Structure formats: C-alpha cells, structure tokens
Protein backbone atom coordinates (compact mmCIF):
# COMPACT_ATOMS: atom_id res chain seq x y z
CA UNK A 1 112.87 124.87 99.38
CA UNK A 2 111.20 122.12 97.34
CA UNK A 3 108.02 123.18 95.54
CA UNK A 4 105.27 120.98 94.15
CA UNK A 5 103.55 122.53 91.14
CA UNK A 6 100.02 121.25 90.54
CA UNK A 7 97.82 122.08 87.58
CA UNK A 8 94.28 121.65 88.90
CA UNK A 9 90.97 121.04 87.22
CA UNK A 10 91.92 117.70 85.67
CA UNK A 11 89.37 114.90 86.30
CA UNK A 12 91.05 111.92 87.96
CA UNK A 13 90.37 108.71 86.05
CA UNK A 14 91.68 105.15 86.29
CA UNK A 15 92.59 102.58 88.94
CA UNK A 16 94.30 103.40 92.23
CA UNK A 17 95.94 100.91 94.61
CA UNK A 18 95.87 102.04 98.24
CA UNK A 19 99.06 101.55 100.26
CA UNK A 20 99.28 99.79 103.60
CA UNK A 21 98.29 101.96 106.54
CA UNK A 22 101.39 103.87 107.63
CA UNK A 23 100.34 104.25 111.29
CA UNK A 24 99.37 100.57 111.51
CA UNK A 25 102.67 99.53 109.95
CA UNK A 26 104.54 101.34 112.73
CA UNK A 27 102.45 99.60 115.38
CA UNK A 28 103.08 96.15 113.92
CA UNK A 29 106.81 96.90 113.79
CA UNK A 30 106.73 97.89 117.46
CA UNK A 31 104.82 94.70 118.32
CA UNK A 32 107.56 92.61 116.67
CA UNK A 33 109.77 93.59 119.60
CA UNK A 34 107.73 91.24 121.83
CA UNK A 35 109.39 88.11 120.41
CA UNK A 36 113.02 87.11 119.79
CA UNK A 37 111.93 85.23 116.67
CA UNK A 38 111.74 86.69 113.14
CA UNK A 39 108.61 88.61 112.17
CA UNK A 40 107.73 89.35 108.53
CA UNK A 41 105.46 92.32 107.82
CA UNK A 42 103.95 92.61 104.32
CA UNK A 43 102.21 95.44 102.47
CA UNK A 44 104.28 97.88 104.51
CA UNK A 45 104.62 101.42 103.11
CA UNK A 46 108.19 102.73 102.94
CA UNK A 47 107.40 106.07 104.58
CA UNK A 48 109.14 108.49 106.91
CA UNK A 49 107.21 107.21 109.93
CA UNK A 50 107.99 103.57 109.14
CA UNK A 51 111.68 104.39 108.67
CA UNK A 52 111.72 106.20 112.03
CA UNK A 53 110.20 103.18 113.78
CA UNK A 54 112.59 100.77 112.06
CA UNK A 55 115.52 103.00 113.08
CA UNK A 56 114.32 102.91 116.69
CA UNK A 57 114.14 99.11 116.59
CA UNK A 58 117.69 98.98 115.24
CA UNK A 59 118.82 101.36 117.99
CA UNK A 60 117.37 98.91 120.52
CA UNK A 61 119.29 96.02 118.94
CA UNK A 62 116.90 94.60 116.34
CA UNK A 63 118.02 93.35 112.93
CA UNK A 64 116.06 94.94 110.09
CA UNK A 65 115.96 93.55 106.56
CA UNK A 66 113.86 95.02 103.74
CA UNK A 67 113.24 91.85 101.71
CA UNK A 68 111.29 93.84 99.09
CA UNK A 69 110.01 97.43 98.73
CA UNK A 70 106.84 96.44 100.62
CA UNK A 71 108.10 93.70 102.94
CA UNK A 72 110.31 93.88 106.01
CA UNK A 73 111.76 91.26 108.35
CA UNK A 74 112.46 92.13 111.98
CA UNK A 75 114.42 90.01 114.45
CA UNK A 76 114.76 91.18 118.06
CA UNK A 77 116.86 88.38 119.58
CA UNK A 78 118.52 90.59 122.14
CA UNK A 79 117.66 94.14 123.14
CA UNK A 80 120.35 96.48 124.40
CA UNK A 81 118.19 99.27 125.76
CA UNK A 82 114.72 100.29 126.92
CA UNK A 83 114.54 103.97 125.90
CA UNK A 84 113.23 105.82 122.85
CA UNK A 85 114.59 109.25 121.90
CA UNK A 86 112.67 112.50 121.59
CA UNK A 87 113.68 112.68 117.92
CA UNK A 88 112.20 109.23 117.25
CA UNK A 89 108.90 110.33 118.77
CA UNK A 90 108.87 113.55 116.75
CA UNK A 91 109.35 111.63 113.50
CA UNK A 92 106.57 109.18 114.37
CA UNK A 93 104.15 109.87 117.26
CA UNK A 94 103.05 106.20 117.13
CA UNK A 95 106.46 105.38 118.61
CA UNK A 96 104.96 106.14 122.02
CA UNK A 97 103.73 102.54 121.75
CA UNK A 98 107.30 101.42 122.44
CA UNK A 99 106.34 102.17 126.04
CA UNK A 100 103.87 99.27 126.13
CA UNK A 101 106.00 96.93 124.03
CA UNK A 102 109.15 97.46 126.14
CA UNK A 103 107.19 96.96 129.35
CA UNK A 104 105.86 93.71 127.89
CA UNK A 105 109.27 92.41 126.78
CA UNK A 106 111.71 93.85 129.34
CA UNK A 107 109.39 94.95 132.17
CA UNK A 108 110.90 98.42 131.92
CA UNK A 109 110.68 101.37 129.53
CA UNK A 110 111.54 105.05 129.13
CA UNK A 111 109.69 107.09 126.50
CA UNK A 112 109.44 110.90 126.14
CA UNK A 113 106.26 112.70 127.13
CA UNK A 114 104.80 113.71 123.73
CA UNK A 115 102.92 116.67 125.22
CA UNK A 116 106.12 118.07 126.75
CA UNK A 117 107.78 118.01 123.35
CA UNK A 118 104.73 119.43 121.52
CA UNK A 119 104.60 116.32 119.35
CA UNK A 120 100.84 116.07 119.64
CA UNK A 121 98.06 117.17 121.94
CA UNK A 122 96.58 113.76 122.58
CA UNK A 123 96.74 113.18 126.34
CA UNK A 124 98.62 110.10 127.53
CA UNK A 125 97.37 110.33 131.11
CA UNK A 126 94.88 107.55 130.32
CA UNK A 127 97.75 105.25 129.32
CA UNK A 128 99.57 106.02 132.57
CA UNK A 129 96.60 105.63 134.92
CA UNK A 130 95.59 102.31 133.35
CA UNK A 131 99.16 100.97 133.50
CA UNK A 132 99.46 101.94 137.17
CA UNK A 133 96.19 100.14 137.92
CA UNK A 134 97.67 97.03 136.29
CA UNK A 135 100.65 97.14 138.65
CA UNK A 136 103.19 99.09 136.59
CA UNK A 137 105.30 101.61 138.50
CA UNK A 138 105.45 104.91 136.62
CA UNK A 139 107.42 108.09 137.25
CA UNK A 140 108.37 111.08 135.14
CA UNK A 141 112.06 112.02 135.05
CA UNK A 142 113.57 114.74 132.85
CA UNK A 143 110.66 114.63 130.41
CA UNK A 144 110.57 110.83 130.14
CA UNK A 145 107.91 108.45 131.42
CA UNK A 146 109.85 105.67 133.10
CA UNK A 147 108.05 102.44 133.86
CA UNK A 148 108.91 99.16 135.53
CA UNK A 149 107.06 95.98 136.43
CA UNK A 150 104.80 93.39 134.86
CA UNK A 151 101.06 93.70 134.38
CA UNK A 152 98.79 91.87 136.82
CA UNK A 153 95.36 90.59 135.83
CA UNK A 154 92.72 93.24 136.51
CA UNK A 155 89.90 95.09 134.81
CA UNK A 156 90.48 98.69 133.75
CA UNK A 157 88.17 101.21 132.12
CA UNK A 158 89.15 104.22 130.03
CA UNK A 159 87.10 107.29 130.91
CA UNK A 160 87.38 108.48 127.32
CA UNK A 161 88.12 106.89 123.98
CA UNK A 162 91.82 106.29 123.35
CA UNK A 163 93.03 104.18 120.45
CA UNK A 164 96.71 104.39 121.33
CA UNK A 165 95.92 103.83 125.01
CA UNK A 166 94.12 100.61 124.08
CA UNK A 167 97.08 99.51 121.96
CA UNK A 168 99.59 100.31 124.69
CA UNK A 169 97.68 98.21 127.23
CA UNK A 170 97.48 95.31 124.79
CA UNK A 171 101.23 95.43 124.13
CA UNK A 172 102.19 95.55 127.80
CA UNK A 173 99.70 92.83 128.84
CA UNK A 174 100.19 90.01 126.31
CA UNK A 175 103.21 88.71 128.26
CA UNK A 176 101.82 89.74 131.65
CA UNK A 177 100.36 87.82 134.57
CA UNK A 178 96.70 86.82 134.62
CA UNK A 179 93.81 88.22 132.61
CA UNK A 180 93.55 91.92 131.79
CA UNK A 181 90.14 93.27 130.80
CA UNK A 182 89.95 96.60 128.97
CA UNK A 183 86.57 98.33 129.07
CA UNK A 184 85.76 101.21 126.72
CA UNK A 185 88.45 99.80 124.43
CA UNK A 186 88.95 101.27 120.96
CA UNK A 187 87.30 99.44 118.04
CA UNK A 188 89.29 100.83 115.10
CA UNK A 189 90.31 98.30 112.42
CA UNK A 190 93.95 99.24 113.05
CA UNK A 191 93.59 97.87 116.60
CA UNK A 192 92.19 94.62 115.20
CA UNK A 193 95.15 94.37 112.80
CA UNK A 194 97.44 94.51 115.85
CA UNK A 195 95.32 91.98 117.79
CA UNK A 196 95.29 89.54 114.86
CA UNK A 197 99.06 89.80 114.53
CA UNK A 198 99.65 89.13 118.23
CA UNK A 199 97.21 86.20 118.25
CA UNK A 200 99.09 84.68 115.30
CA UNK A 201 102.20 84.90 117.52
CA UNK A 202 100.51 82.94 120.30
CA UNK A 203 98.78 85.70 122.27
CA UNK A 204 95.32 85.15 123.77
CA UNK A 205 93.36 88.32 122.99
CA UNK A 206 89.62 88.41 122.40
CA UNK A 207 86.91 91.01 121.90
CA UNK A 208 84.23 89.72 124.27
CA UNK A 209 81.70 92.52 123.87
CA UNK A 210 81.18 96.04 122.56
CA UNK A 211 84.29 98.06 123.42
CA UNK A 212 85.61 95.24 125.61
CA UNK A 213 88.88 93.34 125.15
CA UNK A 214 90.22 90.48 127.29
CA UNK A 215 93.91 89.57 127.31
CA UNK A 216 95.16 86.39 128.95
CA UNK A 217 98.88 86.72 129.55
CA UNK A 218 101.17 84.07 128.01
CA UNK A 219 104.79 83.11 128.69
CA UNK A 220 106.19 83.79 125.23
CA UNK A 221 105.34 84.82 121.69
CA UNK A 222 106.67 83.30 118.47
CA UNK A 223 107.51 84.77 115.09
CA UNK A 224 104.85 85.32 112.45
CA UNK A 225 104.03 86.74 109.04
CA UNK A 226 101.42 89.49 108.92
CA UNK A 227 99.97 91.91 106.36
CA UNK A 228 99.26 95.59 107.03
CA UNK A 229 95.67 96.55 106.26
CA UNK A 230 94.98 99.02 103.46
CA UNK A 231 94.99 102.68 104.47
CA UNK A 232 91.37 103.78 104.92
CA UNK A 233 92.48 107.41 105.20
CA UNK A 234 94.14 107.27 101.77
CA UNK A 235 91.14 105.45 100.28
CA UNK A 236 88.71 108.17 101.40
CA UNK A 237 91.10 110.95 100.36
CA UNK A 238 91.29 109.58 96.80
CA UNK A 239 87.53 109.02 96.69
CA UNK A 240 86.93 112.65 97.70
CA UNK A 241 89.44 113.82 95.08
CA UNK A 242 87.75 111.72 92.38
CA UNK A 243 84.43 113.35 93.22
CA UNK A 244 85.80 116.90 93.60
CA UNK A 245 87.57 116.73 90.22
CA UNK A 246 84.47 115.18 88.59
CA UNK A 247 86.40 112.06 87.70
CA UNK A 248 85.96 108.29 87.92
CA UNK A 249 88.36 106.13 89.95
CA UNK A 250 88.36 102.48 90.98
CA UNK A 251 90.09 102.30 94.37
CA UNK A 252 91.62 98.96 95.37
CA UNK A 253 93.67 97.43 98.17
CA UNK A 254 91.53 98.13 101.24
CA UNK A 255 88.41 96.83 102.98
CA UNK A 256 85.33 98.88 102.11
CA UNK A 257 83.75 97.76 105.41
CA UNK A 258 86.29 100.05 107.11
CA UNK A 259 84.74 103.18 105.54
CA UNK A 260 80.99 102.57 105.77
CA UNK A 261 80.32 105.93 107.46
CA UNK A 262 82.24 107.77 104.73
CA UNK A 263 80.22 105.95 102.08
CA UNK A 264 77.02 107.02 103.83
CA UNK A 265 78.15 110.66 103.53
CA UNK A 266 78.98 110.17 99.83
CA UNK A 267 75.41 108.96 99.33
CA UNK A 268 73.99 111.98 101.19
CA UNK A 269 76.15 114.30 99.08
CA UNK A 270 74.86 112.73 95.86
CA UNK A 271 78.21 111.24 94.89
CA UNK A 272 77.96 108.04 92.88
CA UNK A 273 79.81 104.92 94.02
CA UNK A 274 79.71 101.16 93.65
CA UNK A 275 81.25 98.54 95.94
CA UNK A 276 82.38 95.29 94.31
CA UNK A 277 84.93 92.52 94.77
CA UNK A 278 87.37 94.71 92.83
CA UNK A 279 87.10 97.62 95.25
CA UNK A 280 85.31 100.97 95.37
CA UNK A 281 84.34 102.78 92.17
CA UNK A 282 83.63 106.51 92.72
CA UNK A 283 82.47 108.96 90.08
CA UNK A 284 80.82 112.37 89.74
CA UNK A 285 79.59 114.43 86.81
CA UNK A 286 79.89 118.18 86.31
CA UNK A 287 76.15 118.63 85.84
CA UNK A 288 75.28 116.95 89.17
CA UNK A 289 75.68 119.34 92.15
CA UNK A 290 76.77 118.04 95.56
CA UNK A 291 74.45 118.28 98.55
CA UNK A 292 75.76 119.98 101.71
CA UNK A 293 76.65 117.74 104.64
CA UNK A 294 76.54 117.72 108.43
CA UNK A 295 79.41 115.65 109.82
CA UNK A 296 80.56 114.91 113.35
CA UNK A 297 83.56 112.69 113.95
CA UNK A 298 83.30 110.01 116.61
CA UNK A 299 85.31 106.88 117.51
CA UNK A 300 85.01 103.91 115.15
CA UNK A 301 82.64 102.59 113.89
CA UNK A 302 81.37 106.16 113.49
CA UNK A 303 82.78 108.81 111.13
CA UNK A 304 86.57 109.03 111.57
CA UNK A 305 88.49 112.19 112.40
CA UNK A 306 91.12 111.23 109.80
CA UNK A 307 88.59 111.88 107.00
CA UNK A 308 87.67 115.39 108.14
CA UNK A 309 90.25 117.29 106.00
CA UNK A 310 89.16 115.63 102.76
CA UNK A 311 85.44 116.08 103.37
CA UNK A 312 86.13 119.71 104.30
CA UNK A 313 87.66 120.22 100.85
CA UNK A 314 84.81 118.32 99.20
CA UNK A 315 82.17 120.41 101.00
CA UNK A 316 83.59 123.63 99.52
CA UNK A 317 82.02 122.38 96.27
CA UNK A 318 78.59 121.55 97.76
CA UNK A 319 75.51 123.69 97.17
CA UNK A 320 74.69 125.29 100.51
CA UNK A 321 75.94 125.29 104.09
CA UNK A 322 77.90 122.31 105.43
CA UNK A 323 78.99 121.82 109.04
CA UNK A 324 81.88 119.63 110.18
CA UNK A 325 82.62 119.05 113.87
CA UNK A 326 85.63 117.08 115.11
CA UNK A 327 85.42 115.60 118.62
CA UNK A 328 88.64 113.58 118.54
CA UNK A 329 91.60 115.85 117.76
CA UNK A 330 92.16 119.40 119.07
CA UNK A 331 93.76 120.84 115.92
CA UNK A 332 92.14 119.03 113.02
CA UNK A 333 91.22 122.24 111.17
CA UNK A 334 94.69 123.77 111.03
CA UNK A 335 94.59 123.72 107.22
CA UNK A 336 91.41 125.76 106.61
CA UNK A 337 93.19 129.13 106.36
CA UNK A 338 94.96 127.80 103.27
CA UNK A 339 91.67 126.65 101.74
CA UNK A 340 90.29 130.14 102.37
CA UNK A 341 93.33 131.52 100.54
CA UNK A 342 92.28 129.33 97.59
CA UNK A 343 88.80 130.87 97.60
CA UNK A 344 86.81 128.74 100.06
CA UNK A 345 84.34 130.35 102.45
CA UNK A 346 84.94 128.63 105.78
CA UNK A 347 84.11 129.91 109.27
CA UNK A 348 85.70 128.07 112.23
CA UNK A 349 83.75 128.03 115.49
CA UNK A 350 83.15 126.08 118.69
CA UNK A 351 79.70 124.47 118.94
CA UNK A 352 77.60 125.40 121.94
CA UNK A 353 77.64 122.16 123.96
CA UNK A 354 76.14 121.58 127.43
CA UNK A 355 79.18 119.56 128.60
CA UNK A 356 82.23 120.07 126.35
CA UNK A 357 84.56 118.06 128.59
CA UNK A 358 82.55 114.86 128.13
CA UNK A 359 81.87 115.56 124.44
CA UNK A 360 85.52 115.47 123.36
CA UNK A 361 88.02 112.61 123.37
CA UNK A 362 90.78 114.99 124.48
CA UNK A 363 90.92 117.33 127.48
CA UNK A 364 89.22 120.44 126.11
CA UNK A 365 90.31 122.61 129.05
CA UNK A 366 93.96 122.08 128.00
CA UNK A 367 93.38 123.00 124.36
CA UNK A 368 94.95 126.11 122.84
CA UNK A 369 92.11 128.69 123.10
CA UNK A 370 92.81 129.92 119.57
CA UNK A 371 91.76 126.55 118.11
CA UNK A 372 88.21 125.69 117.07
CA UNK A 373 86.51 122.31 116.82
CA UNK A 374 84.06 122.94 113.98
CA UNK A 375 83.66 124.77 110.68
CA UNK A 376 80.78 126.10 108.64
CA UNK A 377 81.39 125.91 104.90
CA UNK A 378 79.40 127.89 102.35
CA UNK A 379 79.49 126.57 98.82
CA UNK A 380 79.96 126.11 96.07
CA UNK A 381 83.11 128.23 96.14
CA UNK A 382 85.40 127.71 93.15
CA UNK A 383 88.91 126.97 94.41
CA UNK A 384 91.70 128.82 92.61
CA UNK A 385 95.32 127.73 92.40
CA UNK A 386 97.75 129.81 94.44
CA UNK A 387 101.04 129.64 96.37
CA UNK A 388 100.75 127.71 99.64
CA UNK A 389 103.16 126.99 102.48
CA UNK A 390 102.44 123.82 104.46
CA UNK A 391 105.44 124.02 106.79
CA UNK A 392 103.47 123.96 110.06
CA UNK A 393 100.59 121.84 108.82
CA UNK A 394 99.75 118.38 110.18
CA UNK A 395 97.67 117.14 107.23
CA UNK A 396 100.04 118.29 104.49
CA UNK A 397 98.66 115.99 101.81
CA UNK A 398 95.21 117.63 101.99
CA UNK A 399 96.69 120.58 100.08
CA UNK A 400 97.65 118.24 97.23
CA UNK A 401 94.04 117.09 96.93
CA UNK A 402 92.67 120.63 97.25
CA UNK A 403 95.02 121.81 94.49
CA UNK A 404 93.78 119.00 92.23
CA UNK A 405 90.22 120.30 92.63
CA UNK A 406 91.21 123.95 92.04
CA UNK A 407 91.30 125.80 88.74
CA UNK A 408 94.74 126.94 87.68
CA UNK A 409 98.20 126.32 89.09
CA UNK A 410 99.10 125.83 92.75
CA UNK A 411 102.61 125.86 94.20
CA UNK A 412 103.02 124.07 97.54
CA UNK A 413 106.12 124.62 99.65
CA UNK A 414 107.24 123.56 103.12
CA UNK A 415 106.58 119.92 102.49
CA UNK A 416 110.16 118.63 102.92
CA UNK A 417 109.50 116.68 106.12
CA UNK A 418 106.73 114.84 104.27
CA UNK A 419 108.80 114.48 101.12
CA UNK A 420 109.90 110.87 101.66
CA UNK A 421 106.26 109.79 101.62
CA UNK A 422 105.04 112.16 98.93
CA UNK A 423 106.68 110.67 95.79
CA UNK A 424 104.70 107.42 96.25
CA UNK A 425 101.44 109.35 96.46
CA UNK A 426 102.35 111.69 93.59
CA UNK A 427 103.28 108.78 91.31
CA UNK A 428 99.92 107.11 91.89
CA UNK A 429 97.97 110.34 91.41
CA UNK A 430 99.83 111.06 88.16
CA UNK A 431 98.71 107.65 86.88
CA UNK A 432 95.14 108.99 87.25
CA UNK A 433 95.93 112.02 85.10
CA UNK A 434 96.96 114.47 87.82
CA UNK A 435 99.45 117.09 86.64
CA UNK A 436 102.03 117.33 89.45
CA UNK A 437 105.68 118.25 89.13
CA UNK A 438 108.45 118.70 91.67
CA UNK A 439 110.56 121.84 91.40
CA UNK A 440 113.82 121.70 93.31
CA UNK A 441 115.51 124.86 94.61
CA UNK A 442 117.98 126.34 92.14
C-alpha cells in the first residue's frame, strides 16, 4: 500500500498556480459529444476523473487526442453506442451527465443509477422528473435509467437545488424542439462554463433572471475551443493551508469572484488577504490568533459545500467554538474522525431545524441515520502527525492539508484510487516548501 509521508509545521510560502476544475473538465468533455466536429478543451487537468470520462467517450466512438499535457481534442463524428458502464460512473460521478448529452445527440441513453451503485447519495429523481416533463420517456431496467425522445419546449421547475440536474437539462435541450425554461436553475460558475462553451458552439442559452435559464433548441452545434475555469475548490484549499501553516502564498489561475463568500469568512477569521490582478495573496502570522466561525453551506453564490473540509481543518486552529453546517451533501463530514485522531476536538451533530426536508438540497429522510450534517469545533487544538487511512474517504486530499498544519510526521495510506491526481498536487505543494514524500510498498 502506497504511503505519503508528510512532515508538518512548515509554513507554505511562494506562488501557486491552480489547475483547471476537474469536475468542470469532465462536463465539457461530455458536452463535446453534442457535435460531430472537433472540440478543443484547454487548461484541462490530467486526472483520474478526466481520464475516465475520456475513456467513456472513446468507448462510444470518439477520437481523443492529448495535444499537450493540459489540452485535449475530441472528435465525435460517429457514435456506436448510447450506454455508459457502472465502472465509468464509479470512476467519475459526473459521467451521469452522459445521460443528458446522449439524449441530446442520439435521442436515447442508458446510464446506471448512481444511488443503486452507492456512487453518491445525491438524488437524481429531479433529473428524471424534469426530463419526463420535457417529453423524454424514461424507464429503469436492470439498474440503468433508459431514456428516449427529444425535448419539447416547456417550463420546468426544480423543487430543490440541483447543479447536475441543471446541467443535464441543458445538455438534453440544446438540440431539442422549442424553448425550454429552467426555473430554480443552479448558478454555480461551473454551470456558466458549460453554458459559455455550448453558446460558442452555436447554442442559444441565456440566463434571463435569478435562477432562471432559457434554452432555445437549435438544429446543430459546431466545433469550438474552450478553456476550463480554475478550480475554486483547490484555490480555497491552498488558501486555508497557507493560513493554517502561518505562511504566505500568492494563488493564481482562477477567478477570485468565484470565492467571495470564502473571502468573507477569511476576513471574519482575521486572516490577511489581498486580491489583485495577479491573483489572491493569503498570509497569517503566528502571533495573530484566528477568530472562530459560523458557516452554513448553501447553493452558489453562497458558501460552497466543497470548501467545508478545508474550513473545518482551519477552524481547529481558531480561538473558541466554531460551527459548520452543510446543507448540500449528506456525508460531507466523513473525514472528521481522522482529524480527531490528530488531536482536534470536533463534535458532529444534527441542528434542530423546524423543517429539515426543505432545509437540505438532498432527501434527508433517505440519509444514513449515522451521518450528521454539522460539527462543533473547539479550538485551538494543536494537530499532531499520526498514521491515517483514507481508503473510504471522499475528500482524501483534506488529509494532506491537515497534515501540513500538524506538528510532526503524518503517514497517509489508502490513497491509491486518488494517486493519479495526487502527484500534480504534491509537486505544487512541495514548491511552496511542503515536505511530502511517497513511500512505495516494499
């Protein structure tokens, strides 16, 4: 079993270039299926998820050419299938978006039910109900959602926030009939990256109001060249690590407007930062204590669920009681037991809410009862390096950042399935002074 050995307590200092968003890259790859013409995607991270999506495109008949380490060309002249495998979905949950893209291109699709295969606990019932309302015939056969038909112009409204549901409807409607109106549509910048790509291909998609998207179907889409936006999750993770290690890092390659709510929390915590044309400069000094925080994740433009793990680690170093509450994902705090093992004082709990079902973006009644949606953190609690196993952890990289903030040596195992992505992150962190080494099994 591969082990990463991390010597913590070293202030991170220097410049850090954020990679392209890995989840967005997969979505843009899937969107390239909507045209037979070549599509060039730039600033694309060469990660496990991206490879899984590219492999699925090749399986469907696409030609894939990596023209550089961060640029890929996709050409889907002729498709020889309309189904995605369970394994492809396990490697990259975003591959459920093939459902919308295949409906758009071929008017038929078969994609595994991610909840059946325990890939994630995000419900896809909203995708299905909206597609049916738009005229798509849907049935479930042997664990696969099979769909046929072409979207017809209608207005639909999501009862709850769903980013992937919004993206699936966009993908299946761009080549549909008439005008589709999506109410309560997601506003994440990753959705806009997808919309901008499709519009550059000839689609007619417009945000016409708050949480409202209108899609006028067109006959065909052309090829294009598009750039993946910088990863706002990675940017915030590095910013939190810079503060927690009492370092100073200039973070480049992303739009600071995508993390305004995170910056507001940095200000509340007493963490110093400066936004400029170069990027985001974050620094913290040993003599300046952090203030405790109260954080609740909500759909964009509010505080994002993807930042919760890094702020949880940061709050272990704050003076006093912090509270973090995630309303988007049912198992966001799966890592806290390992932080407790490192010395953190964290108490998971469920907040007392008058109407939990409406408060959460997922179906709370279907959640594993052992899971909790919030934590109380009592700090400062010095983190101490120890042996950690991340085998069943979703946010594996959070342990890397926690180990950097800890005193002493940490050994992290069980990270093999993340290993293709990790060397890129480790290389960049080492350029900031992080002491990280990979120890292969003897």
